[in-house]
C-alpha atoms as a PDB file:
ATOM      1  CA  MET A   1      52.222 138.265  73.510  1.00  0.00           C
ATOM      2  CA  ASP A   2      53.225 140.681  76.234  1.00  0.00           C
ATOM      3  CA  ASP A   3      55.291 139.315  79.073  1.00  0.00           C
ATOM      4  CA  PRO A   4      52.865 138.926  81.987  1.00  0.00           C
ATOM      5  CA  ARG A   5      55.654 139.701  84.479  1.00  0.00           C
ATOM      6  CA  LEU A   6      55.014 143.453  84.238  1.00  0.00           C
ATOM      7  CA  LYS A   7      51.333 143.072  85.160  1.00  0.00           C
ATOM      8  CA  ILE A   8      52.181 140.680  87.989  1.00  0.00           C
ATOM      9  CA  ARG A   9      54.901 143.021  89.298  1.00  0.00           C
ATOM     10  CA  THR A  10      52.410 145.906  89.249  1.00  0.00           C
ATOM     11  CA  PHE A  11      49.829 143.822  91.117  1.00  0.00           C
ATOM     12  CA  PHE A  12      52.376 142.991  93.830  1.00  0.00           C
ATOM     13  CA  ALA A  13      53.776 146.529  93.977  1.00  0.00           C
ATOM     14  CA  GLN A  14      50.299 147.871  94.762  1.00  0.00           C
ATOM     15  CA  ARG A  15      50.021 145.483  97.682  1.00  0.00           C
ATOM     16  CA  PHE A  16      53.603 145.286  98.968  1.00  0.00           C
ATOM     17  CA  ARG A  17      54.234 149.032  99.140  1.00  0.00           C
ATOM     18  CA  GLY A  18      57.832 149.937  99.743  1.00  0.00           C
ATOM     19  CA  TYR A  19      59.124 146.449  98.974  1.00  0.00           C
ATOM     20  CA  GLU A  20      60.850 145.658  95.687  1.00  0.00           C
ATOM     21  CA  LEU A  21      60.057 142.037  94.897  1.00  0.00           C
ATOM     22  CA  ASN A  22      62.459 140.008  92.756  1.00  0.00           C
ATOM     23  CA  ASP A  23      60.954 137.749  90.086  1.00  0.00           C
ATOM     24  CA  ASP A  24      62.148 134.586  91.833  1.00  0.00           C
ATOM     25  CA  GLU A  25      61.479 135.704  95.422  1.00  0.00           C
ATOM     26  CA  ASP A  26      59.068 133.521  97.408  1.00  0.00           C
ATOM     27  CA  ILE A  27      56.135 135.713  98.463  1.00  0.00           C
ATOM     28  CA  PHE A  28      55.066 133.177 101.079  1.00  0.00           C
ATOM     29  CA  ALA A  29      58.520 133.118 102.679  1.00  0.00           C
ATOM     30  CA  ILE A  30      58.623 136.915 103.088  1.00  0.00           C
ATOM     31  CA  GLY A  31      55.345 136.808 105.019  1.00  0.00           C
ATOM     32  CA  PHE A  32      53.151 139.152 102.979  1.00  0.00           C
ATOM     33  CA  VAL A  33      50.551 136.557 102.053  1.00  0.00           C
ATOM     34  CA  ASN A  34      47.407 135.665 103.956  1.00  0.00           C
ATOM     35  CA  SER A  35      44.388 133.670 102.806  1.00  0.00           C
ATOM     36  CA  ILE A  36      42.536 136.738 101.496  1.00  0.00           C
ATOM     37  CA  PHE A  37      45.541 137.831  99.467  1.00  0.00           C
ATOM     38  CA  ALA A  38      45.968 134.316  98.069  1.00  0.00           C
ATOM     39  CA  LEU A  39      42.351 134.377  96.862  1.00  0.00           C
ATOM     40  CA  GLN A  40      42.847 137.839  95.344  1.00  0.00           C
ATOM     41  CA  LEU A  41      45.950 136.584  93.557  1.00  0.00           C
ATOM     42  CA  VAL A  42      44.118 133.629  92.014  1.00  0.00           C
ATOM     43  CA  MET A  43      41.242 135.894  90.927  1.00  0.00           C
ATOM     44  CA  PHE A  44      43.718 138.389  89.433  1.00  0.00           C
ATOM     45  CA  VAL A  45      45.460 135.666  87.422  1.00  0.00           C
ATOM     46  CA  GLU A  46      42.158 134.332  86.087  1.00  0.00           C
ATOM     47  CA  LYS A  47      40.732 137.734  85.171  1.00  0.00           C
ATOM     48  CA  GLU A  48      43.884 139.425  83.894  1.00  0.00           C
ATOM     49  CA  PHE A  49      45.209 136.523  81.834  1.00  0.00           C
ATOM     50  CA  GLY A  50      41.983 134.762  80.839  1.00  0.00           C
ATOM     51  CA  VAL A  51      42.888 131.426  82.373  1.00  0.00           C
ATOM     52  CA  VAL A  52      40.948 129.098  84.642  1.00  0.00           C
ATOM     53  CA  VAL A  53      42.862 128.066  87.739  1.00  0.00           C
ATOM     54  CA  GLU A  54      41.759 124.503  88.449  1.00  0.00           C
ATOM     55  CA  ASP A  55      41.903 122.784  91.837  1.00  0.00           C
ATOM     56  CA  GLU A  56      45.047 120.916  90.802  1.00  0.00           C
ATOM     57  CA  ASP A  57      46.721 124.273  90.039  1.00  0.00           C
ATOM     58  CA  LEU A  58      46.232 125.516  93.605  1.00  0.00           C
ATOM     59  CA  GLU A  59      49.691 124.608  94.842  1.00  0.00           C
ATOM     60  CA  LEU A  60      52.046 127.061  96.527  1.00  0.00           C
ATOM     61  CA  ALA A  61      54.695 126.243  93.940  1.00  0.00           C
ATOM     62  CA  ASN A  62      52.473 127.732  91.203  1.00  0.00           C
ATOM     63  CA  PHE A  63      52.003 131.047  93.033  1.00  0.00           C
ATOM     64  CA  ASN A  64      55.086 131.582  95.185  1.00  0.00           C
ATOM     65  CA  SER A  65      56.922 133.968  92.845  1.00  0.00           C
ATOM     66  CA  ILE A  66      56.490 136.114  89.766  1.00  0.00           C
ATOM     67  CA  ASN A  67      58.370 133.498  87.746  1.00  0.00           C
ATOM     68  CA  ALA A  68      56.143 130.673  89.050  1.00  0.00           C
ATOM     69  CA  ILE A  69      52.943 132.571  88.236  1.00  0.00           C
ATOM     70  CA  THR A  70      54.257 133.406  84.775  1.00  0.00           C
ATOM     71  CA  ALA A  71      55.062 129.725  84.172  1.00  0.00           C
ATOM     72  CA  LEU A  72      51.547 128.730  85.285  1.00  0.00           C
ATOM     73  CA  ILE A  73      49.995 131.260  82.901  1.00  0.00           C
ATOM     74  CA  ASP A  74      52.186 129.995  80.070  1.00  0.00           C
ATOM     75  CA  ARG A  75      51.137 126.379  80.745  1.00  0.00           C
ATOM     76  CA  LYS A  76      47.460 127.315  80.966  1.00  0.00           C
ATOM     77  CA  ASN A  77      47.758 129.132  77.639  1.00  0.00           C
ATOM     78  CA  GLY A  78      49.341 126.117  75.978  1.00  0.00           C
ATOM     79  CA  GLY A  79      52.960 127.253  76.277  1.00  0.00           C
ATOM     80  CA  THR A  80      55.870 125.146  77.358  1.00  0.00           C
ATOM     81  CA  ASP A  81      56.954 127.275  80.376  1.00  0.00           C
END
């Protein structure tokens, strides 16, 4: 399976123009995220990776970095992180 990090990086790069985001950098801490973006991010993850983000998955820790999102996708797909 392809590493989802590339798709996630591309998604962020299209929205955070001119800012090179590290895989472990907290997107909430850098101040680029608002409620609309958070919703777009959840919808992107569901559509792009074929997973269902449940209510219990909607924690900042699952979406605060490229690494965290990748780990969530892996768990939702039956991986071990």
